[in-house]
C-alpha atoms as a PDB file:
ATOM      1  CA  MET A   1      26.683 139.335  90.299  1.00  0.00           C
ATOM      2  CA  GLU A   2      29.093 140.790  87.734  1.00  0.00           C
ATOM      3  CA  LYS A   3      29.640 144.288  89.024  1.00  0.00           C
ATOM      4  CA  THR A   4      30.411 142.390  92.611  1.00  0.00           C
ATOM      5  CA  ILE A   5      33.540 141.909  94.506  1.00  0.00           C
ATOM      6  CA  ILE A   6      33.697 139.956  97.794  1.00  0.00           C
ATOM      7  CA  PHE A   7      36.383 140.822 100.149  1.00  0.00           C
ATOM      8  CA  HIS A   8      37.805 138.822 103.217  1.00  0.00           C
ATOM      9  CA  LEU A   9      40.075 140.724 105.965  1.00  0.00           C
ATOM     10  CA  SER A  10      41.197 138.283 108.660  1.00  0.00           C
ATOM     11  CA  ALA A  11      38.156 136.829 110.343  1.00  0.00           C
ATOM     12  CA  ASN A  12      36.268 135.308 107.981  1.00  0.00           C
ATOM     13  CA  LYS A  13      38.349 133.761 104.782  1.00  0.00           C
ATOM     14  CA  LYS A  14      36.125 130.430 104.121  1.00  0.00           C
ATOM     15  CA  LEU A  15      33.026 132.168 104.443  1.00  0.00           C
ATOM     16  CA  ALA A  16      33.736 134.714 102.426  1.00  0.00           C
ATOM     17  CA  ASN A  17      35.269 131.934  99.518  1.00  0.00           C
ATOM     18  CA  GLU A  18      31.882 129.993  99.807  1.00  0.00           C
ATOM     19  CA  VAL A  19      29.635 133.076  99.635  1.00  0.00           C
ATOM     20  CA  ALA A  20      31.709 134.025  96.730  1.00  0.00           C
ATOM     21  CA  LYS A  21      31.260 130.688  95.104  1.00  0.00           C
ATOM     22  CA  ILE A  22      27.750 130.502  95.441  1.00  0.00           C
ATOM     23  CA  LEU A  23      27.398 134.232  94.168  1.00  0.00           C
ATOM     24  CA  ASN A  24      29.782 132.817  91.262  1.00  0.00           C
ATOM     25  CA  ALA A  25      31.772 136.499  92.217  1.00  0.00           C
ATOM     26  CA  PRO A  26      35.428 137.229  92.319  1.00  0.00           C
ATOM     27  CA  VAL A  27      37.270 137.586  95.686  1.00  0.00           C
ATOM     28  CA  GLY A  28      39.249 140.621  95.388  1.00  0.00           C
ATOM     29  CA  GLU A  29      42.594 141.009  96.834  1.00  0.00           C
ATOM     30  CA  VAL A  30      43.584 142.621  99.847  1.00  0.00           C
ATOM     31  CA  GLU A  31      46.592 143.584 101.993  1.00  0.00           C
ATOM     32  CA  ILE A  32      46.550 143.631 105.473  1.00  0.00           C
ATOM     33  CA  GLU A  33      49.541 144.085 107.666  1.00  0.00           C
ATOM     34  CA  HIS A  34      49.559 144.123 111.580  1.00  0.00           C
ATOM     35  CA  PHE A  35      52.982 146.327 112.650  1.00  0.00           C
ATOM     36  CA  LEU A  36      54.893 145.895 115.846  1.00  0.00           C
ATOM     37  CA  ASP A  37      53.928 149.316 117.116  1.00  0.00           C
ATOM     38  CA  GLY A  38      50.003 147.845 116.856  1.00  0.00           C
ATOM     39  CA  GLU A  39      48.972 149.858 113.964  1.00  0.00           C
ATOM     40  CA  ILE A  40      47.145 148.079 111.074  1.00  0.00           C
ATOM     41  CA  MET A  41      47.198 148.984 107.396  1.00  0.00           C
ATOM     42  CA  ALA A  42      44.472 147.463 104.841  1.00  0.00           C
ATOM     43  CA  ARG A  43      45.094 148.001 101.469  1.00  0.00           C
ATOM     44  CA  ASN A  44      42.584 147.350  98.565  1.00  0.00           C
ATOM     45  CA  MET A  45      44.834 145.632  95.696  1.00  0.00           C
ATOM     46  CA  THR A  46      41.792 144.964  93.202  1.00  0.00           C
ATOM     47  CA  ASN A  47      40.182 148.011  91.073  1.00  0.00           C
ATOM     48  CA  VAL A  48      36.467 148.406  92.088  1.00  0.00           C
ATOM     49  CA  ARG A  49      36.133 151.788  90.481  1.00  0.00           C
ATOM     50  CA  GLY A  50      31.900 151.255  89.543  1.00  0.00           C
ATOM     51  CA  LYS A  51      31.705 147.664  91.777  1.00  0.00           C
ATOM     52  CA  ASN A  52      29.992 146.742  94.624  1.00  0.00           C
ATOM     53  CA  ALA A  53      31.778 146.045  97.195  1.00  0.00           C
ATOM     54  CA  ILE A  54      31.466 143.841  99.973  1.00  0.00           C
ATOM     55  CA  ILE A  55      33.207 143.381 103.401  1.00  0.00           C
ATOM     56  CA  ILE A  56      32.871 140.050 104.979  1.00  0.00           C
ATOM     57  CA  GLN A  57      34.428 140.320 108.301  1.00  0.00           C
ATOM     58  CA  SER A  58      32.992 139.335 112.337  1.00  0.00           C
ATOM     59  CA  THR A  59      34.104 141.499 115.229  1.00  0.00           C
ATOM     60  CA  GLY A  60      34.906 138.712 117.722  1.00  0.00           C
ATOM     61  CA  LYS A  61      37.826 138.280 119.410  1.00  0.00           C
ATOM     62  CA  PRO A  62      40.478 139.708 118.413  1.00  0.00           C
ATOM     63  CA  ALA A  63      37.758 142.405 118.424  1.00  0.00           C
ATOM     64  CA  GLN A  64      39.594 145.531 118.414  1.00  0.00           C
ATOM     65  CA  ASP A  65      41.400 144.066 115.813  1.00  0.00           C
ATOM     66  CA  ASN A  66      39.100 143.200 113.416  1.00  0.00           C
ATOM     67  CA  ILE A  67      37.039 146.480 113.885  1.00  0.00           C
ATOM     68  CA  MET A  68      39.717 148.450 112.646  1.00  0.00           C
ATOM     69  CA  GLU A  69      40.359 146.521 109.693  1.00  0.00           C
ATOM     70  CA  ILE A  70      37.081 147.078 108.579  1.00  0.00           C
ATOM     71  CA  LEU A  71      37.422 150.833 108.793  1.00  0.00           C
ATOM     72  CA  LEU A  72      40.304 151.279 107.178  1.00  0.00           C
ATOM     73  CA  PHE A  73      39.490 148.819 104.488  1.00  0.00           C
ATOM     74  CA  ALA A  74      36.144 150.284 103.959  1.00  0.00           C
ATOM     75  CA  ASP A  75      38.118 154.023 103.601  1.00  0.00           C
ATOM     76  CA  ALA A  76      40.674 151.631 101.202  1.00  0.00           C
ATOM     77  CA  LEU A  77      37.538 151.404  99.273  1.00  0.00           C
ATOM     78  CA  LYS A  78      36.139 154.899  99.218  1.00  0.00           C
ATOM     79  CA  ASN A  79      39.040 155.700  98.058  1.00  0.00           C
ATOM     80  CA  SER A  80      39.028 153.211  95.202  1.00  0.00           C
ATOM     81  CA  GLU A  81      35.786 154.808  94.011  1.00  0.00           C
ATOM     82  CA  ALA A  82      33.782 151.590  94.745  1.00  0.00           C
ATOM     83  CA  ALA A  83      30.423 152.346  93.801  1.00  0.00           C
ATOM     84  CA  SER A  84      28.472 150.970  97.173  1.00  0.00           C
ATOM     85  CA  ILE A  85      30.449 149.413 100.245  1.00  0.00           C
ATOM     86  CA  THR A  86      28.366 146.959 102.192  1.00  0.00           C
ATOM     87  CA  LEU A  87      29.620 145.057 105.078  1.00  0.00           C
ATOM     88  CA  VAL A  88      28.721 141.450 106.006  1.00  0.00           C
ATOM     89  CA  ILE A  89      29.193 141.187 109.881  1.00  0.00           C
ATOM     90  CA  PRO A  90      27.981 137.997 110.773  1.00  0.00           C
ATOM     91  CA  TYR A  91      29.001 138.206 114.583  1.00  0.00           C
ATOM     92  CA  PHE A  92      28.213 142.107 115.836  1.00  0.00           C
ATOM     93  CA  GLY A  93      30.774 142.438 118.260  1.00  0.00           C
ATOM     94  CA  TYR A  94      29.586 145.025 121.217  1.00  0.00           C
ATOM     95  CA  SER A  95      26.244 143.832 120.331  1.00  0.00           C
ATOM     96  CA  ARG A  96      25.423 142.900 124.286  1.00  0.00           C
ATOM     97  CA  GLN A  97      26.652 146.484 124.886  1.00  0.00           C
ATOM     98  CA  ASP A  98      23.659 147.689 123.682  1.00  0.00           C
ATOM     99  CA  ARG A  99      22.196 149.905 126.886  1.00  0.00           C
ATOM    100  CA  ILE A 100      23.263 151.591 129.814  1.00  0.00           C
ATOM    101  CA  ALA A 101      22.896 149.086 132.507  1.00  0.00           C
ATOM    102  CA  GLN A 102      24.844 151.089 135.338  1.00  0.00           C
ATOM    103  CA  VAL A 103      25.875 154.878 135.644  1.00  0.00           C
ATOM    104  CA  GLY A 104      28.487 156.360 133.280  1.00  0.00           C
ATOM    105  CA  GLU A 105      28.610 152.982 130.881  1.00  0.00           C
ATOM    106  CA  PRO A 106      28.672 153.484 127.146  1.00  0.00           C
ATOM    107  CA  ILE A 107      26.239 152.326 124.607  1.00  0.00           C
ATOM    108  CA  SER A 108      29.060 150.571 122.477  1.00  0.00           C
ATOM    109  CA  ALA A 109      26.810 149.167 119.789  1.00  0.00           C
ATOM    110  CA  LYS A 110      25.980 152.342 119.009  1.00  0.00           C
ATOM    111  CA  VAL A 111      29.317 153.777 118.343  1.00  0.00           C
ATOM    112  CA  MET A 112      30.097 150.699 116.658  1.00  0.00           C
ATOM    113  CA  ALA A 113      26.827 151.762 114.444  1.00  0.00           C
ATOM    114  CA  LEU A 114      28.521 155.329 113.911  1.00  0.00           C
ATOM    115  CA  ILE A 115      31.870 154.735 113.402  1.00  0.00           C
ATOM    116  CA  TYR A 116      30.560 152.080 110.383  1.00  0.00           C
ATOM    117  CA  GLN A 117      28.683 154.463 108.804  1.00  0.00           C
ATOM    118  CA  VAL A 118      31.319 157.285 109.215  1.00  0.00           C
ATOM    119  CA  VAL A 119      33.927 155.594 107.207  1.00  0.00           C
ATOM    120  CA  GLY A 120      31.348 154.468 104.401  1.00  0.00           C
ATOM    121  CA  ILE A 121      29.753 151.833 104.795  1.00  0.00           C
ATOM    122  CA  GLU A 122      26.268 151.837 102.690  1.00  0.00           C
ATOM    123  CA  LYS A 123      24.158 148.784 104.451  1.00  0.00           C
ATOM    124  CA  ILE A 124      24.359 145.773 106.893  1.00  0.00           C
ATOM    125  CA  ILE A 125      24.442 142.594 106.805  1.00  0.00           C
ATOM    126  CA  THR A 126      24.095 140.802 110.152  1.00  0.00           C
ATOM    127  CA  PHE A 127      22.988 137.518 112.208  1.00  0.00           C
ATOM    128  CA  ASP A 128      20.442 137.267 115.319  1.00  0.00           C
ATOM    129  CA  LEU A 129      21.520 140.759 116.907  1.00  0.00           C
ATOM    130  CA  HIS A 130      21.716 140.061 120.940  1.00  0.00           C
ATOM    131  CA  THR A 131      18.225 143.070 120.688  1.00  0.00           C
ATOM    132  CA  SER A 132      16.552 144.399 117.714  1.00  0.00           C
ATOM    133  CA  GLN A 133      17.200 147.906 118.982  1.00  0.00           C
ATOM    134  CA  ILE A 134      20.585 147.879 117.803  1.00  0.00           C
ATOM    135  CA  GLN A 135      19.404 148.369 114.471  1.00  0.00           C
ATOM    136  CA  GLY A 136      17.825 152.032 115.526  1.00  0.00           C
ATOM    137  CA  PHE A 137      21.230 152.731 116.115  1.00  0.00           C
ATOM    138  CA  PHE A 138      22.048 153.341 112.119  1.00  0.00           C
ATOM    139  CA  SER A 139      20.832 155.628 109.532  1.00  0.00           C
ATOM    140  CA  CYS A 140      21.817 153.128 106.760  1.00  0.00           C
ATOM    141  CA  PRO A 141      19.872 149.564 106.145  1.00  0.00           C
ATOM    142  CA  VAL A 142      20.624 147.038 108.418  1.00  0.00           C
ATOM    143  CA  ILE A 143      19.711 143.336 107.231  1.00  0.00           C
ATOM    144  CA  ASN A 144      19.448 141.299 110.327  1.00  0.00           C
ATOM    145  CA  ILE A 145      19.503 137.729 109.136  1.00  0.00           C
ATOM    146  CA  ASP A 146      17.306 135.151 111.616  1.00  0.00           C
ATOM    147  CA  THR A 147      19.051 131.871 112.048  1.00  0.00           C
ATOM    148  CA  SER A 148      15.770 129.714 113.109  1.00  0.00           C
ATOM    149  CA  GLU A 149      14.519 127.890 110.284  1.00  0.00           C
ATOM    150  CA  LEU A 150      18.483 126.793 109.235  1.00  0.00           C
ATOM    151  CA  PHE A 151      18.704 125.745 112.683  1.00  0.00           C
ATOM    152  CA  GLY A 152      14.573 123.971 112.487  1.00  0.00           C
ATOM    153  CA  GLU A 153      15.375 122.543 109.324  1.00  0.00           C
ATOM    154  CA  TYR A 154      18.344 120.807 110.356  1.00  0.00           C
ATOM    155  CA  LEU A 155      17.214 119.863 114.037  1.00  0.00           C
ATOM    156  CA  ALA A 156      13.816 118.627 112.552  1.00  0.00           C
ATOM    157  CA  ASN A 157      15.179 115.548 110.860  1.00  0.00           C
ATOM    158  CA  TYR A 158      18.243 115.159 113.360  1.00  0.00           C
ATOM    159  CA  PHE A 159      15.686 114.373 116.298  1.00  0.00           C
ATOM    160  CA  LEU A 160      13.698 112.366 113.797  1.00  0.00           C
ATOM    161  CA  GLU A 161      16.895 110.310 112.642  1.00  0.00           C
ATOM    162  CA  LEU A 162      17.334 109.711 116.301  1.00  0.00           C
ATOM    163  CA  GLY A 163      14.351 108.083 116.919  1.00  0.00           C
ATOM    164  CA  ILE A 164      12.902 111.232 119.040  1.00  0.00           C
ATOM    165  CA  SER A 165       9.153 112.205 118.045  1.00  0.00           C
ATOM    166  CA  HIS A 166       8.843 115.833 117.944  1.00  0.00           C
ATOM    167  CA  ARG A 167       6.258 115.919 120.749  1.00  0.00           C
ATOM    168  CA  ASP A 168       8.688 114.720 123.198  1.00  0.00           C
ATOM    169  CA  ILE A 169      10.881 117.808 122.540  1.00  0.00           C
ATOM    170  CA  VAL A 170      10.688 120.931 124.496  1.00  0.00           C
ATOM    171  CA  VAL A 171      12.521 124.388 123.088  1.00  0.00           C
ATOM    172  CA  VAL A 172      14.155 126.089 125.620  1.00  0.00           C
ATOM    173  CA  ALA A 173      14.694 129.991 125.934  1.00  0.00           C
ATOM    174  CA  PRO A 174      17.566 130.251 128.779  1.00  0.00           C
ATOM    175  CA  ASP A 175      16.132 134.259 129.578  1.00  0.00           C
ATOM    176  CA  HIS A 176      13.591 136.185 128.795  1.00  0.00           C
ATOM    177  CA  GLY A 177      15.205 137.730 125.514  1.00  0.00           C
ATOM    178  CA  SER A 178      15.726 134.356 124.054  1.00  0.00           C
ATOM    179  CA  ALA A 179      11.431 133.713 124.399  1.00  0.00           C
ATOM    180  CA  LEU A 180      10.949 134.665 120.707  1.00  0.00           C
ATOM    181  CA  ARG A 181      13.587 132.923 119.271  1.00  0.00           C
ATOM    182  CA  ALA A 182      12.287 129.608 121.103  1.00  0.00           C
ATOM    183  CA  ARG A 183       8.870 130.413 119.920  1.00  0.00           C
ATOM    184  CA  ASP A 184      10.555 130.379 116.287  1.00  0.00           C
ATOM    185  CA  LEU A 185      12.662 127.733 116.487  1.00  0.00           C
ATOM    186  CA  GLY A 186       9.732 125.355 117.994  1.00  0.00           C
ATOM    187  CA  SER A 187       7.305 126.427 115.204  1.00  0.00           C
ATOM    188  CA  MET A 188       9.698 123.870 112.786  1.00  0.00           C
ATOM    189  CA  PHE A 189       8.966 121.296 114.709  1.00  0.00           C
ATOM    190  CA  ASP A 190       5.080 119.301 114.503  1.00  0.00           C
ATOM    191  CA  GLY A 191       4.113 119.292 118.028  1.00  0.00           C
ATOM    192  CA  ALA A 192       6.888 121.008 120.123  1.00  0.00           C
ATOM    193  CA  SER A 193       6.104 122.709 123.655  1.00  0.00           C
ATOM    194  CA  ILE A 194       8.050 125.620 124.806  1.00  0.00           C
ATOM    195  CA  ALA A 195       9.780 126.685 128.176  1.00  0.00           C
ATOM    196  CA  PHE A 196      11.876 129.373 129.676  1.00  0.00           C
ATOM    197  CA  ILE A 197      14.164 130.105 132.486  1.00  0.00           C
ATOM    198  CA  ASP A 198      14.255 132.960 134.391  1.00  0.00           C
ATOM    199  CA  LYS A 199      17.528 134.329 135.475  1.00  0.00           C
ATOM    200  CA  ARG A 200      18.814 137.184 136.273  1.00  0.00           C
ATOM    201  CA  ARG A 201      22.993 138.418 135.914  1.00  0.00           C
ATOM    202  CA  PRO A 202      24.469 139.748 139.621  1.00  0.00           C
ATOM    203  CA  ALA A 203      27.507 140.626 137.249  1.00  0.00           C
ATOM    204  CA  PRO A 204      28.391 140.425 133.666  1.00  0.00           C
ATOM    205  CA  ASN A 205      29.382 137.168 132.222  1.00  0.00           C
ATOM    206  CA  LYS A 206      27.338 135.862 135.575  1.00  0.00           C
ATOM    207  CA  SER A 207      23.960 134.672 135.522  1.00  0.00           C
ATOM    208  CA  GLU A 208      21.306 133.155 138.043  1.00  0.00           C
ATOM    209  CA  VAL A 209      18.645 130.710 137.732  1.00  0.00           C
ATOM    210  CA  ILE A 210      15.410 131.504 139.721  1.00  0.00           C
ATOM    211  CA  ASN A 211      13.035 128.935 138.050  1.00  0.00           C
ATOM    212  CA  VAL A 212      11.981 126.927 135.098  1.00  0.00           C
ATOM    213  CA  VAL A 213       8.827 128.067 133.578  1.00  0.00           C
ATOM    214  CA  GLY A 214       7.242 124.824 131.348  1.00  0.00           C
ATOM    215  CA  ASP A 215       7.045 121.459 131.612  1.00  0.00           C
ATOM    216  CA  VAL A 216      10.267 119.410 130.455  1.00  0.00           C
ATOM    217  CA  LYS A 217       9.814 116.324 132.759  1.00  0.00           C
ATOM    218  CA  GLY A 218      10.421 113.246 130.840  1.00  0.00           C
ATOM    219  CA  LYS A 219      11.671 115.662 127.751  1.00  0.00           C
ATOM    220  CA  THR A 220      14.246 116.533 125.266  1.00  0.00           C
ATOM    221  CA  CYS A 221      14.966 119.528 126.018  1.00  0.00           C
ATOM    222  CA  LEU A 222      16.747 122.268 123.114  1.00  0.00           C
ATOM    223  CA  ILE A 223      18.202 125.501 124.661  1.00  0.00           C
ATOM    224  CA  ILE A 224      18.139 127.976 121.818  1.00  0.00           C
ATOM    225  CA  ASP A 225      20.692 131.044 122.320  1.00  0.00           C
ATOM    226  CA  ASP A 226      22.272 133.529 119.871  1.00  0.00           C
ATOM    227  CA  ILE A 227      25.679 133.603 121.977  1.00  0.00           C
ATOM    228  CA  ILE A 228      27.409 130.900 123.863  1.00  0.00           C
ATOM    229  CA  ASP A 229      30.482 132.639 125.518  1.00  0.00           C
ATOM    230  CA  THR A 230      31.539 131.703 129.057  1.00  0.00           C
ATOM    231  CA  CYS A 231      29.343 128.808 129.060  1.00  0.00           C
ATOM    232  CA  GLY A 232      27.948 129.908 132.571  1.00  0.00           C
ATOM    233  CA  THR A 233      24.681 130.584 130.978  1.00  0.00           C
ATOM    234  CA  ILE A 234      24.099 127.196 129.501  1.00  0.00           C
ATOM    235  CA  ASN A 235      25.677 125.510 132.078  1.00  0.00           C
ATOM    236  CA  ASN A 236      23.539 126.959 134.576  1.00  0.00           C
ATOM    237  CA  ALA A 237      20.162 126.075 132.484  1.00  0.00           C
ATOM    238  CA  TYR A 238      21.102 122.738 131.990  1.00  0.00           C
ATOM    239  CA  ASP A 239      21.503 122.164 135.615  1.00  0.00           C
ATOM    240  CA  GLU A 240      18.335 123.181 135.965  1.00  0.00           C
ATOM    241  CA  LEU A 241      16.689 121.528 133.515  1.00  0.00           C
ATOM    242  CA  ILE A 242      18.159 118.066 134.892  1.00  0.00           C
ATOM    243  CA  LYS A 243      16.555 119.171 138.206  1.00  0.00           C
ATOM    244  CA  HIS A 244      13.181 119.551 136.980  1.00  0.00           C
ATOM    245  CA  GLY A 245      13.569 115.976 135.282  1.00  0.00           C
ATOM    246  CA  ALA A 246      14.516 116.630 131.899  1.00  0.00           C
ATOM    247  CA  LYS A 247      15.914 113.611 129.962  1.00  0.00           C
ATOM    248  CA  ASP A 248      18.664 114.911 127.737  1.00  0.00           C
ATOM    249  CA  VAL A 249      19.818 118.151 126.706  1.00  0.00           C
ATOM    250  CA  TYR A 250      20.948 119.966 123.420  1.00  0.00           C
ATOM    251  CA  ILE A 251      21.997 123.125 122.887  1.00  0.00           C
ATOM    252  CA  ALA A 252      22.193 125.600 119.689  1.00  0.00           C
ATOM    253  CA  ALA A 253      23.363 128.878 119.393  1.00  0.00           C
ATOM    254  CA  THR A 254      24.192 131.443 116.310  1.00  0.00           C
ATOM    255  CA  HIS A 255      27.297 132.846 117.399  1.00  0.00           C
ATOM    256  CA  GLY A 256      30.273 130.256 119.049  1.00  0.00           C
ATOM    257  CA  VAL A 257      32.192 133.005 120.867  1.00  0.00           C
ATOM    258  CA  PHE A 258      33.601 130.318 123.089  1.00  0.00           C
ATOM    259  CA  SER A 259      35.918 132.810 125.022  1.00  0.00           C
ATOM    260  CA  SER A 260      36.343 131.013 127.933  1.00  0.00           C
ATOM    261  CA  GLY A 261      34.884 127.668 130.376  1.00  0.00           C
ATOM    262  CA  THR A 262      33.832 124.722 128.702  1.00  0.00           C
ATOM    263  CA  LEU A 263      30.247 123.104 128.093  1.00  0.00           C
ATOM    264  CA  ASN A 264      29.167 120.679 130.616  1.00  0.00           C
ATOM    265  CA  LYS A 265      29.987 116.837 129.252  1.00  0.00           C
ATOM    266  CA  ASN A 266      26.594 115.431 129.589  1.00  0.00           C
ATOM    267  CA  ILE A 267      24.629 117.870 127.052  1.00  0.00           C
ATOM    268  CA  LYS A 268      23.827 115.445 124.067  1.00  0.00           C
ATOM    269  CA  GLY A 269      24.683 117.791 121.166  1.00  0.00           C
ATOM    270  CA  VAL A 270      26.022 120.988 120.197  1.00  0.00           C
ATOM    271  CA  PHE A 271      25.311 123.126 117.329  1.00  0.00           C
ATOM    272  CA  VAL A 272      26.486 126.441 115.834  1.00  0.00           C
ATOM    273  CA  THR A 273      26.931 128.035 112.900  1.00  0.00           C
ATOM    274  CA  ASP A 274      30.190 129.337 111.012  1.00  0.00           C
ATOM    275  CA  THR A 275      29.708 133.118 111.980  1.00  0.00           C
ATOM    276  CA  ILE A 276      32.839 133.022 114.089  1.00  0.00           C
ATOM    277  CA  GLU A 277      35.938 131.215 111.885  1.00  0.00           C
ATOM    278  CA  LYS A 278      37.471 129.206 114.629  1.00  0.00           C
ATOM    279  CA  GLU A 279      38.036 125.407 115.684  1.00  0.00           C
ATOM    280  CA  PHE A 280      34.992 124.033 117.714  1.00  0.00           C
ATOM    281  CA  GLY A 281      36.012 120.287 118.463  1.00  0.00           C
ATOM    282  CA  LYS A 282      34.582 116.896 117.167  1.00  0.00           C
ATOM    283  CA  ASP A 283      31.559 117.443 119.208  1.00  0.00           C
ATOM    284  CA  VAL A 284      30.530 120.437 118.178  1.00  0.00           C
ATOM    285  CA  VAL A 285      28.460 120.268 114.713  1.00  0.00           C
ATOM    286  CA  VAL A 286      28.858 123.888 112.471  1.00  0.00           C
ATOM    287  CA  LEU A 287      25.984 124.907 110.268  1.00  0.00           C
ATOM    288  CA  SER A 288      27.150 127.515 107.510  1.00  0.00           C
ATOM    289  CA  VAL A 289      25.488 130.762 106.993  1.00  0.00           C
ATOM    290  CA  ALA A 290      27.138 130.998 103.441  1.00  0.00           C
ATOM    291  CA  LYS A 291      23.696 130.541 101.616  1.00  0.00           C
ATOM    292  CA  LEU A 292      21.630 132.925 103.687  1.00  0.00           C
ATOM    293  CA  ILE A 293      24.408 135.816 102.913  1.00  0.00           C
ATOM    294  CA  ALA A 294      24.170 134.868  99.623  1.00  0.00           C
ATOM    295  CA  ASP A 295      20.842 134.909  99.117  1.00  0.00           C
ATOM    296  CA  ALA A 296      20.835 138.668 101.159  1.00  0.00           C
ATOM    297  CA  ILE A 297      23.334 139.942  98.880  1.00  0.00           C
ATOM    298  CA  LYS A 298      20.959 138.527  95.863  1.00  0.00           C
ATOM    299  CA  LYS A 299      18.019 140.228  97.685  1.00  0.00           C
ATOM    300  CA  ASN A 300      19.381 143.669  98.704  1.00  0.00           C
END
């Protein structure tokens, strides 16, 4: 990676440094200023002429600040004559606003796709987009990395070490949109079955369970989702699974947003990745996506 320079802004410093270490690539110097009036300056302090610049930055809270840092720094790299600019955006903010749900709404995910490209970003690497259709909002290449194998390899061994047979595990999709994710993760276990929860959303950040489709009685349930945010979906799913006779419930999700709420204390285990860099607490197991990012950069 002789011509590659890794840059972190405010959101993913540890992850960016780990990726750079794996790739044996230098970490570029950046100067970020947040002024009292709310404006931001993102200054490139590294010679990038003729180099491939990689920005690693998620756009979780504070989403607007993190997005603006990306836009301004990408322009700084372009002005510094970088050969190419790739944005690794481990958690793609606004991905849940991918369609018009009510008259008058914007398609915010499409807006994000457009503005990233306007500032000269030529390639996007991300993880478990909320819906695959978001890739169609871009005219540049988008590499959407699936974390099923990352979770599957870890959890397959984890349950065996606990003495739980894979045949006693049910991988649960908390809604219709997670059905394929549950199928992919379930294939990593020897003999696990699949179930999904039929739910509806009466309002943003609120969900109601209609039914559980699949046999969970006496089983160890593993809920798989892309995002844990207000914890409502997971807690409702937990209640319904226990009501249907589940023995224990675990949860795995790629993006640990945790903007509000708390998970039911009876959930046996919580597993997330480091796409969002924050303190999750000692009861949450964090799996790193650094190697997946490094592999994607090397291959592409």
